[in-house]
C-alpha atoms as a PDB file:
ATOM      1  CA  MET A   1      -8.568 -10.108  16.103  1.00  0.00           C
ATOM      2  CA  ARG A   2      -7.931  -6.688  13.828  1.00  0.00           C
ATOM      3  CA  PHE A   3      -4.497  -4.375  13.456  1.00  0.00           C
ATOM      4  CA  VAL A   4      -4.231  -1.244  11.859  1.00  0.00           C
ATOM      5  CA  VAL A   5      -0.315  -1.275  12.130  1.00  0.00           C
ATOM      6  CA  GLN A   6       0.967   2.266  10.856  1.00  0.00           C
ATOM      7  CA  ARG A   7       4.434   3.054  10.005  1.00  0.00           C
ATOM      8  CA  VAL A   8       5.299   6.011  11.952  1.00  0.00           C
ATOM      9  CA  LYS A   9       8.880   8.235  12.180  1.00  0.00           C
ATOM     10  CA  GLU A  10       6.946   9.015  15.415  1.00  0.00           C
ATOM     11  CA  ALA A  11       4.101   8.458  18.089  1.00  0.00           C
ATOM     12  CA  SER A  12       2.775   9.216  21.548  1.00  0.00           C
ATOM     13  CA  VAL A  13      -0.285   8.232  23.577  1.00  0.00           C
ATOM     14  CA  ALA A  14      -1.386  10.066  26.368  1.00  0.00           C
ATOM     15  CA  VAL A  15      -4.109   9.985  29.062  1.00  0.00           C
ATOM     16  CA  GLY A  16      -5.533  12.395  31.170  1.00  0.00           C
ATOM     17  CA  GLY A  17      -2.679  14.989  29.633  1.00  0.00           C
ATOM     18  CA  GLU A  18       0.027  12.840  30.739  1.00  0.00           C
ATOM     19  CA  ILE A  19       2.215  10.612  27.966  1.00  0.00           C
ATOM     20  CA  ILE A  20       2.701   7.229  29.052  1.00  0.00           C
ATOM     21  CA  GLY A  21       3.651   5.526  25.892  1.00  0.00           C
ATOM     22  CA  GLN A  22       6.419   7.455  23.297  1.00  0.00           C
ATOM     23  CA  ILE A  23       8.348   6.034  20.534  1.00  0.00           C
ATOM     24  CA  GLY A  24      10.260   6.998  17.752  1.00  0.00           C
ATOM     25  CA  HIS A  25      11.011   5.361  14.342  1.00  0.00           C
ATOM     26  CA  GLY A  26       8.521   1.926  14.613  1.00  0.00           C
ATOM     27  CA  LEU A  27       4.927   0.670  14.223  1.00  0.00           C
ATOM     28  CA  LEU A  28       2.139   2.297  15.815  1.00  0.00           C
ATOM     29  CA  VAL A  29      -0.644  -1.080  16.034  1.00  0.00           C
ATOM     30  CA  PHE A  30      -4.134  -0.399  16.928  1.00  0.00           C
ATOM     31  CA  ALA A  31      -5.414  -3.780  18.225  1.00  0.00           C
ATOM     32  CA  GLY A  32      -8.987  -4.834  17.934  1.00  0.00           C
ATOM     33  CA  ILE A  33     -10.264  -8.072  19.969  1.00  0.00           C
ATOM     34  CA  ALA A  34     -13.134 -10.132  18.579  1.00  0.00           C
ATOM     35  CA  ASP A  35     -14.588 -12.472  21.703  1.00  0.00           C
ATOM     36  CA  SER A  36     -13.506 -15.385  19.151  1.00  0.00           C
ATOM     37  CA  ASP A  37      -9.737 -14.613  19.445  1.00  0.00           C
ATOM     38  CA  ASP A  38      -7.336 -16.156  21.783  1.00  0.00           C
ATOM     39  CA  LYS A  39      -3.630 -16.518  22.115  1.00  0.00           C
ATOM     40  CA  GLN A  40      -2.968 -18.709  19.375  1.00  0.00           C
ATOM     41  CA  THR A  41      -4.842 -16.096  17.050  1.00  0.00           C
ATOM     42  CA  ALA A  42      -2.440 -13.634  18.921  1.00  0.00           C
ATOM     43  CA  ASP A  43       0.524 -15.624  18.241  1.00  0.00           C
ATOM     44  CA  LYS A  44      -0.126 -15.927  14.399  1.00  0.00           C
ATOM     45  CA  MET A  45      -1.323 -12.128  14.269  1.00  0.00           C
ATOM     46  CA  ILE A  46       2.006 -11.113  15.974  1.00  0.00           C
ATOM     47  CA  ASP A  47       4.295 -13.154  14.107  1.00  0.00           C
ATOM     48  CA  LYS A  48       3.106 -11.583  10.469  1.00  0.00           C
ATOM     49  CA  MET A  49       3.190  -7.948  12.194  1.00  0.00           C
ATOM     50  CA  THR A  50       6.671  -8.132  13.224  1.00  0.00           C
ATOM     51  CA  LYS A  51       7.585  -9.922  10.271  1.00  0.00           C
ATOM     52  CA  LEU A  52       6.342  -7.662   7.642  1.00  0.00           C
ATOM     53  CA  ARG A  53       8.526  -5.870   5.177  1.00  0.00           C
ATOM     54  CA  ILE A  54       7.081  -2.738   5.298  1.00  0.00           C
ATOM     55  CA  PHE A  55      10.360  -0.609   6.033  1.00  0.00           C
ATOM     56  CA  ASP A  56      12.856   0.901   3.291  1.00  0.00           C
ATOM     57  CA  ASP A  57      16.014  -0.187   2.033  1.00  0.00           C
ATOM     58  CA  ALA A  58      19.071   1.539   0.708  1.00  0.00           C
ATOM     59  CA  ASP A  59      17.368   1.589  -2.753  1.00  0.00           C
ATOM     60  CA  GLY A  60      13.955   3.301  -1.165  1.00  0.00           C
ATOM     61  CA  LYS A  61      11.960  -0.307  -1.788  1.00  0.00           C
ATOM     62  CA  THR A  62       9.925  -1.694   1.132  1.00  0.00           C
ATOM     63  CA  ASN A  63      12.017  -4.824   2.030  1.00  0.00           C
ATOM     64  CA  LEU A  64      13.044  -4.718   5.420  1.00  0.00           C
ATOM     65  CA  SER A  65      11.220  -5.491   8.767  1.00  0.00           C
ATOM     66  CA  ILE A  66      10.568  -3.738  12.050  1.00  0.00           C
ATOM     67  CA  SER A  67      13.736  -5.612  13.274  1.00  0.00           C
ATOM     68  CA  ASP A  68      15.705  -4.638  10.274  1.00  0.00           C
ATOM     69  CA  VAL A  69      15.432  -1.094  11.299  1.00  0.00           C
ATOM     70  CA  ASP A  70      15.506  -1.436  15.082  1.00  0.00           C
ATOM     71  CA  GLY A  71      12.177   0.374  15.471  1.00  0.00           C
ATOM     72  CA  GLU A  72       9.856   0.142  18.134  1.00  0.00           C
ATOM     73  CA  PHE A  73       6.115  -0.552  18.936  1.00  0.00           C
ATOM     74  CA  LEU A  74       3.382   1.536  20.148  1.00  0.00           C
ATOM     75  CA  ILE A  75       0.093  -0.602  21.183  1.00  0.00           C
ATOM     76  CA  ILE A  76      -3.014   0.858  21.797  1.00  0.00           C
ATOM     77  CA  SER A  77      -6.457  -1.091  22.099  1.00  0.00           C
ATOM     78  CA  GLN A  78      -8.882  -0.444  19.729  1.00  0.00           C
ATOM     79  CA  PHE A  79     -12.397  -1.674  20.099  1.00  0.00           C
ATOM     80  CA  THR A  80     -13.847  -0.037  17.839  1.00  0.00           C
ATOM     81  CA  LEU A  81     -12.189  -1.691  15.262  1.00  0.00           C
ATOM     82  CA  TYR A  82     -14.992  -4.107  15.929  1.00  0.00           C
ATOM     83  CA  ALA A  83     -17.903  -1.459  14.820  1.00  0.00           C
ATOM     84  CA  ASP A  84     -20.418  -3.072  12.984  1.00  0.00           C
ATOM     85  CA  CYS A  85     -22.206  -0.123  10.354  1.00  0.00           C
ATOM     86  CA  ARG A  86     -24.274  -2.029   8.394  1.00  0.00           C
ATOM     87  CA  LYS A  87     -27.729  -0.961  10.008  1.00  0.00           C
ATOM     88  CA  GLY A  88     -28.584   2.901  10.988  1.00  0.00           C
ATOM     89  CA  ASN A  89     -26.086   4.944  11.731  1.00  0.00           C
ATOM     90  CA  ARG A  90     -25.109   4.218  15.471  1.00  0.00           C
ATOM     91  CA  PRO A  91     -22.577   1.596  14.913  1.00  0.00           C
ATOM     92  CA  SER A  92     -22.619  -1.527  17.244  1.00  0.00           C
ATOM     93  CA  PHE A  93     -19.752  -3.045  19.200  1.00  0.00           C
ATOM     94  CA  THR A  94     -21.348  -6.431  19.977  1.00  0.00           C
ATOM     95  CA  LEU A  95     -18.632  -8.352  17.607  1.00  0.00           C
ATOM     96  CA  ALA A  96     -15.639  -6.471  20.032  1.00  0.00           C
ATOM     97  CA  GLY A  97     -14.441  -9.030  22.787  1.00  0.00           C
ATOM     98  CA  LYS A  98     -15.628  -8.865  26.364  1.00  0.00           C
ATOM     99  CA  PRO A  99     -13.338  -5.998  28.369  1.00  0.00           C
ATOM    100  CA  ASP A 100     -11.587  -8.645  30.925  1.00  0.00           C
ATOM    101  CA  MET A 101     -10.931 -11.382  27.982  1.00  0.00           C
ATOM    102  CA  ALA A 102      -9.894  -8.555  25.540  1.00  0.00           C
ATOM    103  CA  LYS A 103      -7.956  -6.500  28.276  1.00  0.00           C
ATOM    104  CA  GLU A 104      -5.984 -10.153  28.714  1.00  0.00           C
ATOM    105  CA  LEU A 105      -5.438 -10.913  25.097  1.00  0.00           C
ATOM    106  CA  TYR A 106      -4.358  -7.144  24.748  1.00  0.00           C
ATOM    107  CA  GLU A 107      -1.834  -7.717  27.623  1.00  0.00           C
ATOM    108  CA  TYR A 108      -0.296 -10.805  26.275  1.00  0.00           C
ATOM    109  CA  ILE A 109      -0.094  -9.245  22.903  1.00  0.00           C
ATOM    110  CA  ILE A 110       2.451  -6.310  24.334  1.00  0.00           C
ATOM    111  CA  SER A 111       4.406  -9.104  26.389  1.00  0.00           C
ATOM    112  CA  GLU A 112       4.821 -11.693  23.450  1.00  0.00           C
ATOM    113  CA  VAL A 113       5.611  -8.613  21.127  1.00  0.00           C
ATOM    114  CA  GLY A 114       8.330  -7.715  24.047  1.00  0.00           C
ATOM    115  CA  LYS A 115       9.547 -10.849  24.643  1.00  0.00           C
ATOM    116  CA  LYS A 116      10.800 -11.098  20.573  1.00  0.00           C
ATOM    117  CA  GLY A 117      13.160  -8.443  21.630  1.00  0.00           C
ATOM    118  CA  PHE A 118      10.943  -5.154  20.298  1.00  0.00           C
ATOM    119  CA  PRO A 119      11.160  -2.076  22.400  1.00  0.00           C
ATOM    120  CA  VAL A 120       7.514  -1.806  22.999  1.00  0.00           C
ATOM    121  CA  LYS A 121       5.028   1.029  24.684  1.00  0.00           C
ATOM    122  CA  HIS A 122       1.507   0.588  25.327  1.00  0.00           C
ATOM    123  CA  GLY A 123      -1.808   2.713  25.874  1.00  0.00           C
ATOM    124  CA  LEU A 124      -4.085   2.037  29.135  1.00  0.00           C
ATOM    125  CA  PHE A 125      -6.653  -0.295  28.186  1.00  0.00           C
ATOM    126  CA  GLY A 126     -10.421   1.359  28.125  1.00  0.00           C
ATOM    127  CA  ALA A 127      -9.008   4.818  29.303  1.00  0.00           C
ATOM    128  CA  ASP A 128      -9.863   7.862  27.325  1.00  0.00           C
ATOM    129  CA  MET A 129      -6.361   8.008  25.213  1.00  0.00           C
ATOM    130  CA  LYS A 130      -5.036  10.750  23.000  1.00  0.00           C
ATOM    131  CA  VAL A 131      -2.591   9.124  20.598  1.00  0.00           C
ATOM    132  CA  SER A 132      -0.312  11.672  18.053  1.00  0.00           C
ATOM    133  CA  LEU A 133       1.622  10.442  15.063  1.00  0.00           C
ATOM    134  CA  LEU A 134       3.841  11.409  12.259  1.00  0.00           C
ATOM    135  CA  ASN A 135       3.100   8.424   9.757  1.00  0.00           C
ATOM    136  CA  ASP A 136       5.872   7.777   6.975  1.00  0.00           C
ATOM    137  CA  GLY A 137       4.633   7.319   4.085  1.00  0.00           C
ATOM    138  CA  PRO A 138       1.641   7.334   4.864  1.00  0.00           C
ATOM    139  CA  PHE A 139       1.850   3.684   5.331  1.00  0.00           C
ATOM    140  CA  THR A 140      -1.411   1.911   6.934  1.00  0.00           C
ATOM    141  CA  ILE A 141      -2.110  -1.861   6.774  1.00  0.00           C
ATOM    142  CA  LEU A 142      -4.866  -3.625   8.263  1.00  0.00           C
ATOM    143  CA  LEU A 143      -3.854  -7.465   9.536  1.00  0.00           C
ATOM    144  CA  ASP A 144      -7.648  -9.194   9.792  1.00  0.00           C
ATOM    145  CA  SER A 145      -7.274 -12.744  11.326  1.00  0.00           C
ATOM    146  CA  ASP A 146      -9.748 -13.792   9.269  1.00  0.00           C
ATOM    147  CA  GLU A 147      -7.688 -13.256   6.279  1.00  0.00           C
ATOM    148  CA  ILE A 148      -4.556 -13.999   7.741  1.00  0.00           C
ATOM    149  CA  ILE A 149      -5.612 -17.507   9.404  1.00  0.00           C
ATOM    150  CA  GLY A 150      -8.713 -18.088   7.853  1.00  0.00           C
ATOM    151  CA  SER A 151     -11.975 -18.080  10.305  1.00  0.00           C
ATOM    152  CA  ALA A 152     -12.544 -21.818   9.650  1.00  0.00           C
ATOM    153  CA  GLN A 153      -9.107 -22.087  10.859  1.00  0.00           C
ATOM    154  CA  ARG A 154      -9.343 -20.629  14.325  1.00  0.00           C
END
């Protein structure tokens, strides 16, 4: 599982010209799911993401988590995070999770973040989405379950 986490001042996602999710200050998260991922992997990734101390405190130090700043989440599915570009110029996406399983895990992630008490908006799985954001920093982090959890532990 891979999360690209961006600290934002605001972000939105539109489908067919209509905004379906919009947040103010918080985290825009692009979530990529692999075939080897499961709910246990998602739980560990969610725990790490929600506890990241990447918001500024009164001294301008990144010491605060999203809960400390009453931030919001906008979570977007993005299978292209599993692009394999090692051969040729056309990326392969064979490492990305199969659509039914990936959709189920994506919805699980959204639900679990909400259960933790965070305001959470989301995109539409499999749709052509237009994402707008005002990155704060810029501050962008890649969380990869192979690094967070370790591939041998999954």
